[in-house]
Amino acid sequence: ANRQAMSTYPNIAGVMKYNENNKFRGAWSPQISTPTPKFFVVAPPARPASKAKQPDPPKIEKPRVEPPSDAKFNIRDRMNNYRGCIMEDGTCYNNVGDVIGFIEEEAGEAGSVEQEFLGKIRSDNVVENNLEVKVGTLDLGHCTIQDHEDKTIAEIQGTGEVKGHASTYLGQFEPFGYRDMRVITLYLLLIDRGMLSEIEG
């Protein structure tokens, strides 16, 4: 006797609907065809497994550089290690010698590595980004920096130490003078925002 097995699996094509924001908003719209009888057949031999993707070569980390002796500020991180510097011409470097931005002190402006305008500090010490949106404020009377909601996120002490919202030591600017608060504010809010993170690292 012929042994024939019937497969009644329907062919289902699901159609998903998306709105203008590319978000799924509907349910499946099933289209089910009439079942077609099929015989079991011998499965073809399995294809050989494809070769595993080769891992990317390890990244070579740049060695850290020593703090320059001619910097306007040398900057230390929360572990008191060299984090970067701001040179007299406003060029900002990280601890491996890469340029991370620029500060034009006289104009009160900050720029990116590509020399694109990042924002400015106004005469009333409000800091705006390149879209003229407030990102923070400098309170010269208390030597504090507030965020866009006027919450204190940093306090600069007379030694140049930076304390976070929870009085966490975040680093230090060496040397420090109160007349430099506008430059430091531009650096912290527009160039190296990560220094203000109390959970960084």
N, C-alpha and C. Protein backbone atom coordinates (compact mmCIF):
# COMPACT_ATOMS: atom_id res chain seq x y z
N ALA A 1 0.85 -1.18 0.00
CA ALA A 1 0.00 0.00 0.00
C ALA A 1 0.89 1.24 0.00
N ASN A 2 0.44 2.21 -0.73
CA ASN A 2 1.21 3.45 -0.76
C ASN A 2 0.95 4.23 0.52
N ARG A 3 2.08 4.65 1.14
CA ARG A 3 1.93 5.45 2.35
C ARG A 3 2.19 6.90 2.00
N GLN A 4 1.13 7.63 2.02
CA GLN A 4 1.21 9.05 1.66
C GLN A 4 0.74 9.90 2.85
N ALA A 5 1.51 10.91 3.16
CA ALA A 5 1.13 11.80 4.26
C ALA A 5 0.72 13.14 3.68
N MET A 6 -0.29 13.67 4.25
CA MET A 6 -0.83 14.94 3.76
C MET A 6 -0.31 16.08 4.64
N SER A 7 0.22 17.10 3.99
CA SER A 7 0.65 18.29 4.73
C SER A 7 -0.36 19.40 4.48
N THR A 8 -0.93 19.90 5.53
CA THR A 8 -1.99 20.90 5.38
C THR A 8 -1.57 22.24 5.96
N TYR A 9 -0.27 22.47 5.93
CA TYR A 9 0.18 23.77 6.44
C TYR A 9 -0.22 24.86 5.45
N PRO A 10 -0.96 25.88 5.90
CA PRO A 10 -1.34 26.97 4.98
C PRO A 10 -0.17 27.90 4.74
N ASN A 11 -0.24 28.57 3.63
CA ASN A 11 0.75 29.62 3.32
C ASN A 11 0.22 30.93 3.87
N ILE A 12 0.94 31.47 4.82
CA ILE A 12 0.49 32.70 5.48
C ILE A 12 1.48 33.82 5.18
N ALA A 13 0.98 34.91 4.67
CA ALA A 13 1.83 36.09 4.43
C ALA A 13 1.35 37.21 5.33
N GLY A 14 2.17 37.62 6.23
CA GLY A 14 1.76 38.68 7.16
C GLY A 14 2.08 40.04 6.58
N VAL A 15 1.15 40.93 6.76
CA VAL A 15 1.35 42.29 6.28
C VAL A 15 1.32 43.21 7.47
N MET A 16 2.39 43.94 7.71
CA MET A 16 2.46 44.86 8.83
C MET A 16 2.29 46.28 8.33
N LYS A 17 1.57 47.04 9.08
CA LYS A 17 1.32 48.43 8.69
C LYS A 17 2.14 49.35 9.58
N TYR A 18 2.71 50.39 8.98
CA TYR A 18 3.54 51.32 9.72
C TYR A 18 3.00 52.73 9.48
N ASN A 19 3.14 53.58 10.49
CA ASN A 19 2.75 54.96 10.31
C ASN A 19 3.94 55.77 9.82
N GLU A 20 3.76 57.12 9.80
CA GLU A 20 4.83 57.94 9.23
C GLU A 20 6.07 57.94 10.08
N ASN A 21 5.98 57.54 11.35
CA ASN A 21 7.15 57.48 12.22
C ASN A 21 7.75 56.09 12.24
N ASN A 22 7.28 55.22 11.34
CA ASN A 22 7.83 53.88 11.19
C ASN A 22 7.59 53.03 12.44
N LYS A 23 6.48 53.29 13.14
CA LYS A 23 6.13 52.52 14.31
C LYS A 23 5.00 51.55 13.97
N PHE A 24 5.06 50.33 14.48
CA PHE A 24 4.03 49.35 14.23
C PHE A 24 2.75 49.79 14.91
N ARG A 25 1.65 49.84 14.18
CA ARG A 25 0.41 50.32 14.76
C ARG A 25 -0.77 49.38 14.54
N GLY A 26 -0.60 48.33 13.77
CA GLY A 26 -1.73 47.46 13.50
C GLY A 26 -1.43 46.02 13.81
N ALA A 27 -2.43 45.14 13.60
CA ALA A 27 -2.24 43.72 13.82
C ALA A 27 -1.91 43.04 12.50
N TRP A 28 -1.65 41.74 12.57
CA TRP A 28 -1.40 41.01 11.34
C TRP A 28 -2.66 40.98 10.47
N SER A 29 -2.48 41.01 9.16
CA SER A 29 -3.59 40.85 8.22
C SER A 29 -3.35 39.56 7.46
N PRO A 30 -3.75 38.42 8.04
CA PRO A 30 -3.43 37.13 7.41
C PRO A 30 -4.16 36.91 6.10
N GLN A 31 -3.47 36.31 5.16
CA GLN A 31 -4.06 35.90 3.90
C GLN A 31 -3.79 34.41 3.76
N ILE A 32 -4.80 33.60 3.94
CA ILE A 32 -4.65 32.15 4.01
C ILE A 32 -5.19 31.52 2.72
N SER A 33 -4.33 30.78 2.04
CA SER A 33 -4.74 30.12 0.81
C SER A 33 -5.33 28.76 1.11
N THR A 34 -5.98 28.15 0.12
CA THR A 34 -6.57 26.82 0.28
C THR A 34 -5.47 25.79 0.45
N PRO A 35 -5.57 24.92 1.48
CA PRO A 35 -4.53 23.90 1.68
C PRO A 35 -4.31 23.05 0.44
N THR A 36 -3.05 22.76 0.14
CA THR A 36 -2.69 21.94 -1.02
C THR A 36 -1.98 20.69 -0.54
N PRO A 37 -2.44 19.49 -0.94
CA PRO A 37 -1.79 18.25 -0.49
C PRO A 37 -0.38 18.14 -1.04
N LYS A 38 0.54 17.68 -0.17
CA LYS A 38 1.93 17.50 -0.57
C LYS A 38 2.43 16.19 -0.02
N PHE A 39 3.36 15.55 -0.74
CA PHE A 39 3.98 14.32 -0.29
C PHE A 39 5.28 14.64 0.42
N PHE A 40 5.63 13.80 1.42
CA PHE A 40 6.93 13.93 2.05
C PHE A 40 8.00 13.57 1.04
N VAL A 41 9.06 14.30 1.04
CA VAL A 41 10.16 14.03 0.14
C VAL A 41 11.44 13.97 0.98
N VAL A 42 12.44 13.35 0.40
CA VAL A 42 13.73 13.27 1.09
C VAL A 42 14.36 14.65 1.13
N ALA A 43 14.80 15.08 2.31
CA ALA A 43 15.42 16.41 2.45
C ALA A 43 16.76 16.45 1.74
N PRO A 44 17.07 17.54 1.07
CA PRO A 44 18.39 17.65 0.42
C PRO A 44 19.49 17.69 1.47
N PRO A 45 20.70 17.34 1.08
CA PRO A 45 21.80 17.38 2.04
C PRO A 45 22.02 18.79 2.58
N ALA A 46 22.37 18.87 3.84
CA ALA A 46 22.58 20.17 4.48
C ALA A 46 23.76 20.89 3.86
N ARG A 47 23.62 22.19 3.74
CA ARG A 47 24.71 22.99 3.22
C ARG A 47 25.79 23.15 4.29
N PRO A 48 27.03 23.19 3.86
CA PRO A 48 28.09 23.37 4.87
C PRO A 48 27.94 24.72 5.56
N ALA A 49 28.23 24.72 6.84
CA ALA A 49 28.11 25.96 7.62
C ALA A 49 29.07 27.01 7.08
N SER A 50 28.55 28.22 7.03
CA SER A 50 29.41 29.31 6.54
C SER A 50 30.50 29.60 7.56
N LYS A 51 31.58 30.15 7.06
CA LYS A 51 32.70 30.45 7.93
C LYS A 51 32.33 31.56 8.92
N ALA A 52 32.76 31.38 10.13
CA ALA A 52 32.47 32.38 11.15
C ALA A 52 33.15 33.69 10.80
N LYS A 53 32.47 34.79 11.14
CA LYS A 53 33.03 36.10 10.86
C LYS A 53 34.29 36.31 11.69
N GLN A 54 35.31 36.75 11.03
CA GLN A 54 36.55 36.99 11.72
C GLN A 54 36.43 38.20 12.64
N PRO A 55 36.92 38.11 13.87
CA PRO A 55 36.82 39.26 14.78
C PRO A 55 37.64 40.43 14.27
N ASP A 56 37.15 41.62 14.62
CA ASP A 56 37.88 42.83 14.23
C ASP A 56 39.22 42.86 14.95
N PRO A 57 40.22 43.38 14.28
CA PRO A 57 41.53 43.48 14.94
C PRO A 57 41.44 44.38 16.17
N PRO A 58 42.17 44.07 17.20
CA PRO A 58 42.09 44.89 18.42
C PRO A 58 42.53 46.32 18.16
N LYS A 59 41.83 47.24 18.82
CA LYS A 59 42.18 48.64 18.66
C LYS A 59 43.42 48.95 19.49
N ILE A 60 44.29 49.70 18.88
CA ILE A 60 45.51 50.08 19.57
C ILE A 60 45.27 51.41 20.28
N GLU A 61 45.33 51.38 21.59
CA GLU A 61 45.11 52.59 22.36
C GLU A 61 46.34 53.49 22.31
N LYS A 62 46.06 54.76 22.15
CA LYS A 62 47.16 55.72 22.15
C LYS A 62 47.70 55.88 23.57
N PRO A 63 49.00 56.05 23.70
CA PRO A 63 49.56 56.28 25.03
C PRO A 63 49.18 57.67 25.54
N ARG A 64 49.01 57.78 26.82
CA ARG A 64 48.71 59.08 27.42
C ARG A 64 49.94 59.98 27.36
N VAL A 65 49.66 61.26 27.20
CA VAL A 65 50.75 62.23 27.13
C VAL A 65 50.89 62.94 28.47
N GLU A 66 51.99 63.61 28.66
CA GLU A 66 52.22 64.38 29.87
C GLU A 66 51.56 65.75 29.75
N PRO A 67 51.13 66.33 30.86
CA PRO A 67 50.54 67.67 30.81
C PRO A 67 51.53 68.68 30.26
N PRO A 68 51.13 69.51 29.31
CA PRO A 68 52.07 70.50 28.77
C PRO A 68 52.34 71.60 29.77
N SER A 69 53.54 72.12 29.72
CA SER A 69 53.94 73.16 30.67
C SER A 69 53.44 74.54 30.27
N ASP A 70 53.01 74.70 29.01
CA ASP A 70 52.59 76.02 28.53
C ASP A 70 51.08 76.13 28.36
N ALA A 71 50.32 75.24 29.02
CA ALA A 71 48.86 75.28 28.89
C ALA A 71 48.27 76.39 29.75
N LYS A 72 47.13 76.91 29.32
CA LYS A 72 46.39 77.86 30.16
C LYS A 72 45.84 77.14 31.38
N PHE A 73 45.27 75.95 31.14
CA PHE A 73 44.82 75.07 32.22
C PHE A 73 45.26 73.65 31.92
N ASN A 74 45.74 72.95 32.92
CA ASN A 74 45.81 71.51 32.86
C ASN A 74 44.64 70.97 33.69
N ILE A 75 44.03 69.92 33.20
CA ILE A 75 42.79 69.43 33.81
C ILE A 75 43.02 68.01 34.32
N ARG A 76 42.65 67.79 35.58
CA ARG A 76 42.76 66.46 36.18
C ARG A 76 41.38 65.85 36.35
N ASP A 77 41.32 64.50 36.25
CA ASP A 77 40.04 63.81 36.41
C ASP A 77 39.79 63.47 37.87
N ARG A 78 38.75 62.70 38.14
CA ARG A 78 38.38 62.38 39.52
C ARG A 78 39.41 61.52 40.23
N MET A 79 40.29 60.88 39.47
CA MET A 79 41.37 60.09 40.05
C MET A 79 42.67 60.88 40.13
N ASN A 80 42.58 62.17 39.82
CA ASN A 80 43.73 63.09 39.78
C ASN A 80 44.74 62.75 38.69
N ASN A 81 44.28 62.00 37.69
CA ASN A 81 45.10 61.74 36.52
C ASN A 81 44.89 62.86 35.50
N TYR A 82 45.87 63.06 34.65
CA TYR A 82 45.76 64.08 33.61
C TYR A 82 44.62 63.73 32.65
N ARG A 83 43.65 64.66 32.50
CA ARG A 83 42.49 64.44 31.64
C ARG A 83 42.61 65.20 30.32
N GLY A 84 43.21 66.36 30.37
CA GLY A 84 43.34 67.18 29.16
C GLY A 84 43.83 68.56 29.53
N CYS A 85 43.72 69.48 28.56
CA CYS A 85 44.19 70.83 28.82
C CYS A 85 43.50 71.81 27.88
N ILE A 86 43.58 73.07 28.25
CA ILE A 86 43.14 74.18 27.40
C ILE A 86 44.37 75.07 27.20
N MET A 87 44.75 75.25 25.94
CA MET A 87 45.93 76.05 25.64
C MET A 87 45.58 77.53 25.63
N GLU A 88 46.59 78.37 25.58
CA GLU A 88 46.38 79.82 25.59
C GLU A 88 45.55 80.29 24.40
N ASP A 89 45.67 79.59 23.25
CA ASP A 89 44.89 79.99 22.08
C ASP A 89 43.48 79.39 22.07
N GLY A 90 43.11 78.65 23.14
CA GLY A 90 41.76 78.09 23.26
C GLY A 90 41.61 76.68 22.74
N THR A 91 42.67 76.09 22.19
CA THR A 91 42.59 74.72 21.71
C THR A 91 42.51 73.76 22.91
N CYS A 92 41.57 72.83 22.84
CA CYS A 92 41.36 71.88 23.93
C CYS A 92 41.84 70.49 23.50
N TYR A 93 42.64 69.86 24.34
CA TYR A 93 43.18 68.53 24.06
C TYR A 93 42.73 67.54 25.13
N ASN A 94 42.66 66.25 24.74
CA ASN A 94 42.42 65.21 25.74
C ASN A 94 43.76 64.65 26.21
N ASN A 95 43.71 63.55 26.97
CA ASN A 95 44.95 63.06 27.59
C ASN A 95 45.81 62.19 26.67
N VAL A 96 45.40 62.02 25.41
CA VAL A 96 46.26 61.34 24.44
C VAL A 96 46.72 62.29 23.34
N GLY A 97 46.47 63.58 23.55
CA GLY A 97 46.95 64.58 22.62
C GLY A 97 46.05 64.89 21.45
N ASP A 98 44.81 64.38 21.48
CA ASP A 98 43.86 64.69 20.40
C ASP A 98 43.12 65.99 20.69
N VAL A 99 42.90 66.79 19.65
CA VAL A 99 42.09 68.00 19.79
C VAL A 99 40.63 67.60 19.96
N ILE A 100 39.94 68.15 20.97
CA ILE A 100 38.54 67.83 21.20
C ILE A 100 37.63 69.04 21.04
N GLY A 101 38.21 70.21 20.78
CA GLY A 101 37.39 71.40 20.58
C GLY A 101 38.21 72.67 20.71
N PHE A 102 37.49 73.79 20.59
CA PHE A 102 38.14 75.10 20.65
C PHE A 102 37.26 76.06 21.46
N ILE A 103 37.90 76.96 22.17
CA ILE A 103 37.20 78.00 22.92
C ILE A 103 37.78 79.35 22.54
N GLU A 104 36.91 80.24 22.11
CA GLU A 104 37.30 81.61 21.79
C GLU A 104 36.90 82.47 22.99
N GLU A 105 37.88 82.76 23.85
CA GLU A 105 37.58 83.41 25.13
C GLU A 105 36.97 84.79 24.94
N GLU A 106 37.54 85.58 24.07
CA GLU A 106 37.06 86.96 23.91
C GLU A 106 35.62 86.99 23.42
N ALA A 107 35.29 86.13 22.48
CA ALA A 107 33.92 86.09 21.95
C ALA A 107 32.98 85.26 22.82
N GLY A 108 33.54 84.46 23.73
CA GLY A 108 32.70 83.62 24.59
C GLY A 108 32.03 82.50 23.81
N GLU A 109 32.77 81.92 22.85
CA GLU A 109 32.19 80.89 21.99
C GLU A 109 33.02 79.61 22.04
N ALA A 110 32.36 78.50 21.70
CA ALA A 110 33.03 77.20 21.66
C ALA A 110 32.77 76.56 20.30
N GLY A 111 33.78 75.81 19.82
CA GLY A 111 33.65 75.14 18.53
C GLY A 111 34.09 73.69 18.61
N SER A 112 33.68 72.91 17.63
CA SER A 112 34.00 71.48 17.59
C SER A 112 35.37 71.25 16.97
N VAL A 113 35.77 69.99 16.90
CA VAL A 113 37.02 69.62 16.25
C VAL A 113 37.01 70.07 14.80
N GLU A 114 35.83 69.99 14.17
CA GLU A 114 35.69 70.42 12.77
C GLU A 114 35.51 71.92 12.65
N GLN A 115 35.69 72.63 13.78
CA GLN A 115 35.55 74.09 13.86
C GLN A 115 34.13 74.54 13.53
N GLU A 116 33.17 73.70 13.91
CA GLU A 116 31.77 74.08 13.79
C GLU A 116 31.33 74.74 15.09
N PHE A 117 30.48 75.73 15.00
CA PHE A 117 30.01 76.48 16.16
C PHE A 117 29.18 75.58 17.06
N LEU A 118 29.58 75.47 18.35
CA LEU A 118 28.84 74.64 19.31
C LEU A 118 27.91 75.45 20.20
N GLY A 119 28.28 76.69 20.47
CA GLY A 119 27.46 77.52 21.34
C GLY A 119 28.26 78.66 21.93
N LYS A 120 27.63 79.37 22.86
CA LYS A 120 28.28 80.56 23.43
C LYS A 120 27.77 80.81 24.84
N ILE A 121 28.51 81.66 25.56
CA ILE A 121 28.06 82.14 26.85
C ILE A 121 27.73 83.62 26.69
N ARG A 122 26.50 83.97 27.00
CA ARG A 122 26.04 85.35 26.79
C ARG A 122 26.58 86.27 27.88
N SER A 123 26.32 87.56 27.72
CA SER A 123 26.78 88.54 28.70
C SER A 123 26.12 88.34 30.06
N ASP A 124 24.93 87.71 30.08
CA ASP A 124 24.27 87.43 31.36
C ASP A 124 24.63 86.05 31.89
N ASN A 125 25.67 85.43 31.29
CA ASN A 125 26.23 84.14 31.71
C ASN A 125 25.31 82.94 31.48
N VAL A 126 24.34 83.10 30.59
CA VAL A 126 23.54 81.96 30.13
C VAL A 126 24.27 81.32 28.96
N VAL A 127 24.40 79.99 28.99
CA VAL A 127 25.07 79.27 27.92
C VAL A 127 24.03 78.69 26.97
N GLU A 128 24.21 78.96 25.69
CA GLU A 128 23.31 78.45 24.66
C GLU A 128 24.08 77.55 23.70
N ASN A 129 23.39 76.57 23.12
CA ASN A 129 24.02 75.73 22.11
C ASN A 129 23.90 76.39 20.75
N ASN A 130 24.26 75.67 19.70
CA ASN A 130 24.25 76.26 18.36
C ASN A 130 22.85 76.54 17.83
N LEU A 131 21.83 76.03 18.51
CA LEU A 131 20.45 76.31 18.13
C LEU A 131 19.83 77.40 18.99
N GLU A 132 20.67 78.06 19.77
CA GLU A 132 20.26 79.12 20.69
C GLU A 132 19.31 78.60 21.76
N VAL A 133 19.52 77.34 22.15
CA VAL A 133 18.75 76.73 23.23
C VAL A 133 19.60 76.74 24.49
N LYS A 134 19.02 77.15 25.59
CA LYS A 134 19.75 77.23 26.86
C LYS A 134 20.18 75.84 27.32
N VAL A 135 21.46 75.70 27.63
CA VAL A 135 21.98 74.44 28.16
C VAL A 135 22.50 74.58 29.58
N GLY A 136 22.63 75.82 30.06
CA GLY A 136 23.11 76.01 31.42
C GLY A 136 23.34 77.47 31.74
N THR A 137 23.75 77.70 32.98
CA THR A 137 23.99 79.07 33.45
C THR A 137 25.16 79.06 34.41
N LEU A 138 25.97 80.10 34.33
CA LEU A 138 27.05 80.31 35.27
C LEU A 138 26.60 81.29 36.34
N ASP A 139 26.73 80.89 37.61
CA ASP A 139 26.44 81.77 38.73
C ASP A 139 27.78 82.21 39.31
N LEU A 140 28.23 83.41 38.91
CA LEU A 140 29.54 83.89 39.34
C LEU A 140 29.59 84.13 40.84
N GLY A 141 28.46 84.54 41.43
CA GLY A 141 28.44 84.84 42.85
C GLY A 141 28.72 83.62 43.72
N HIS A 142 28.25 82.46 43.26
CA HIS A 142 28.44 81.23 44.04
C HIS A 142 29.45 80.28 43.38
N CYS A 143 30.00 80.69 42.24
CA CYS A 143 30.93 79.85 41.49
C CYS A 143 30.32 78.47 41.21
N THR A 144 29.09 78.49 40.75
CA THR A 144 28.39 77.24 40.42
C THR A 144 27.91 77.28 38.99
N ILE A 145 27.66 76.10 38.45
CA ILE A 145 27.12 75.95 37.10
C ILE A 145 25.80 75.21 37.21
N GLN A 146 24.77 75.77 36.60
CA GLN A 146 23.46 75.12 36.58
C GLN A 146 23.16 74.54 35.20
N ASP A 147 22.28 73.54 35.17
CA ASP A 147 21.86 72.98 33.89
C ASP A 147 20.71 73.80 33.32
N HIS A 148 20.06 73.29 32.28
CA HIS A 148 19.00 74.05 31.62
C HIS A 148 17.76 74.22 32.49
N GLU A 149 17.67 73.43 33.56
CA GLU A 149 16.55 73.54 34.49
C GLU A 149 16.95 74.30 35.76
N ASP A 150 18.11 74.96 35.71
CA ASP A 150 18.63 75.77 36.82
C ASP A 150 18.96 74.93 38.05
N LYS A 151 19.29 73.67 37.85
CA LYS A 151 19.75 72.81 38.94
C LYS A 151 21.27 72.82 38.94
N THR A 152 21.85 72.98 40.12
CA THR A 152 23.31 73.04 40.23
C THR A 152 23.93 71.69 39.88
N ILE A 153 24.85 71.69 38.94
CA ILE A 153 25.52 70.45 38.53
C ILE A 153 27.01 70.49 38.79
N ALA A 154 27.54 71.67 39.15
CA ALA A 154 28.96 71.76 39.45
C ALA A 154 29.24 72.99 40.29
N GLU A 155 30.21 72.85 41.19
CA GLU A 155 30.69 73.97 41.99
C GLU A 155 32.21 74.03 41.84
N ILE A 156 32.71 75.19 41.49
CA ILE A 156 34.16 75.38 41.31
C ILE A 156 34.71 76.04 42.57
N GLN A 157 35.60 75.35 43.24
CA GLN A 157 36.17 75.89 44.47
C GLN A 157 37.40 76.73 44.16
N GLY A 158 37.89 77.45 45.18
CA GLY A 158 39.00 78.38 44.99
C GLY A 158 40.28 77.72 44.54
N THR A 159 40.40 76.43 44.79
CA THR A 159 41.59 75.68 44.37
C THR A 159 41.48 75.18 42.93
N GLY A 160 40.31 75.41 42.30
CA GLY A 160 40.08 74.89 40.96
C GLY A 160 39.43 73.53 40.96
N GLU A 161 39.13 72.98 42.15
CA GLU A 161 38.46 71.69 42.23
C GLU A 161 37.01 71.81 41.77
N VAL A 162 36.54 70.78 41.09
CA VAL A 162 35.18 70.74 40.60
C VAL A 162 34.41 69.70 41.41
N LYS A 163 33.33 70.14 42.07
CA LYS A 163 32.47 69.24 42.83
C LYS A 163 31.13 69.10 42.10
N GLY A 164 30.61 67.88 42.07
CA GLY A 164 29.35 67.63 41.40
C GLY A 164 28.15 67.94 42.27
N HIS A 165 26.96 67.58 41.75
CA HIS A 165 25.71 67.87 42.45
C HIS A 165 25.69 67.23 43.84
N ALA A 166 26.26 66.04 43.97
CA ALA A 166 26.29 65.33 45.25
C ALA A 166 27.60 65.57 45.98
N SER A 167 28.26 66.69 45.68
CA SER A 167 29.55 67.06 46.29
C SER A 167 30.65 66.05 45.98
N THR A 168 30.48 65.31 44.88
CA THR A 168 31.50 64.36 44.44
C THR A 168 32.64 65.10 43.77
N TYR A 169 33.87 64.73 44.09
CA TYR A 169 35.03 65.33 43.44
C TYR A 169 35.10 64.85 41.99
N LEU A 170 35.05 65.80 41.03
CA LEU A 170 35.03 65.45 39.61
C LEU A 170 36.34 65.75 38.89
N GLY A 171 37.20 66.54 39.52
CA GLY A 171 38.45 66.89 38.87
C GLY A 171 38.92 68.26 39.30
N GLN A 172 39.90 68.79 38.56
CA GLN A 172 40.49 70.06 38.96
C GLN A 172 41.10 70.77 37.75
N PHE A 173 41.00 72.11 37.76
CA PHE A 173 41.64 72.96 36.76
C PHE A 173 42.85 73.63 37.42
N GLU A 174 44.00 73.49 36.78
CA GLU A 174 45.25 74.04 37.32
C GLU A 174 45.96 74.87 36.26
N PRO A 175 46.32 76.14 36.56
CA PRO A 175 45.94 76.91 37.74
C PRO A 175 44.51 77.44 37.59
N PHE A 176 43.99 78.06 38.63
CA PHE A 176 42.61 78.53 38.58
C PHE A 176 42.52 79.96 39.08
N GLY A 177 41.69 80.76 38.39
CA GLY A 177 41.35 82.11 38.84
C GLY A 177 39.88 82.36 38.55
N TYR A 178 39.22 83.13 39.37
CA TYR A 178 37.78 83.35 39.19
C TYR A 178 37.47 84.04 37.87
N ARG A 179 38.43 84.77 37.34
CA ARG A 179 38.20 85.43 36.05
C ARG A 179 38.10 84.42 34.91
N ASP A 180 38.49 83.19 35.18
CA ASP A 180 38.46 82.15 34.15
C ASP A 180 37.18 81.32 34.17
N MET A 181 36.22 81.69 35.01
CA MET A 181 35.02 80.87 35.16
C MET A 181 34.22 80.73 33.87
N ARG A 182 34.21 81.75 33.03
CA ARG A 182 33.44 81.66 31.78
C ARG A 182 34.06 80.64 30.83
N VAL A 183 35.39 80.62 30.77
CA VAL A 183 36.06 79.62 29.92
C VAL A 183 35.81 78.22 30.45
N ILE A 184 35.92 78.04 31.76
CA ILE A 184 35.68 76.73 32.35
C ILE A 184 34.25 76.28 32.13
N THR A 185 33.31 77.20 32.22
CA THR A 185 31.90 76.86 32.00
C THR A 185 31.67 76.40 30.56
N LEU A 186 32.26 77.09 29.60
CA LEU A 186 32.14 76.67 28.19
C LEU A 186 32.74 75.27 28.00
N TYR A 187 33.87 75.04 28.63
CA TYR A 187 34.52 73.73 28.50
C TYR A 187 33.63 72.62 29.06
N LEU A 188 33.07 72.82 30.26
CA LEU A 188 32.29 71.78 30.91
C LEU A 188 30.94 71.55 30.25
N LEU A 189 30.33 72.59 29.72
CA LEU A 189 28.99 72.44 29.15
C LEU A 189 28.98 72.12 27.66
N LEU A 190 30.03 72.49 26.94
CA LEU A 190 30.00 72.33 25.49
C LEU A 190 31.14 71.48 24.92
N ILE A 191 32.26 71.38 25.61
CA ILE A 191 33.40 70.64 25.08
C ILE A 191 33.53 69.26 25.71
N ASP A 192 33.57 69.21 27.04
CA ASP A 192 33.83 67.95 27.76
C ASP A 192 32.75 67.72 28.80
N ARG A 193 31.54 67.50 28.33
CA ARG A 193 30.39 67.31 29.23
C ARG A 193 30.56 66.08 30.12
N GLY A 194 31.32 65.09 29.64
CA GLY A 194 31.51 63.88 30.41
C GLY A 194 32.18 64.12 31.76
N MET A 195 32.94 65.19 31.88
CA MET A 195 33.62 65.47 33.15
C MET A 195 32.61 65.75 34.26
N LEU A 196 31.40 66.18 33.90
CA LEU A 196 30.38 66.48 34.91
C LEU A 196 29.60 65.24 35.35
N SER A 197 29.81 64.12 34.69
CA SER A 197 29.07 62.90 35.05
C SER A 197 29.62 62.33 36.35
N GLU A 198 28.75 62.16 37.33
CA GLU A 198 29.19 61.63 38.61
C GLU A 198 29.28 60.11 38.60
N ILE A 199 28.92 59.48 37.47
CA ILE A 199 29.02 58.03 37.36
C ILE A 199 29.95 57.64 36.22
N GLU A 200 30.64 58.61 35.63
CA GLU A 200 31.53 58.31 34.51
C GLU A 200 32.65 57.39 34.95
N GLY A 201 32.97 56.43 34.08
CA GLY A 201 34.07 55.52 34.36
C GLY A 201 33.70 54.45 35.34
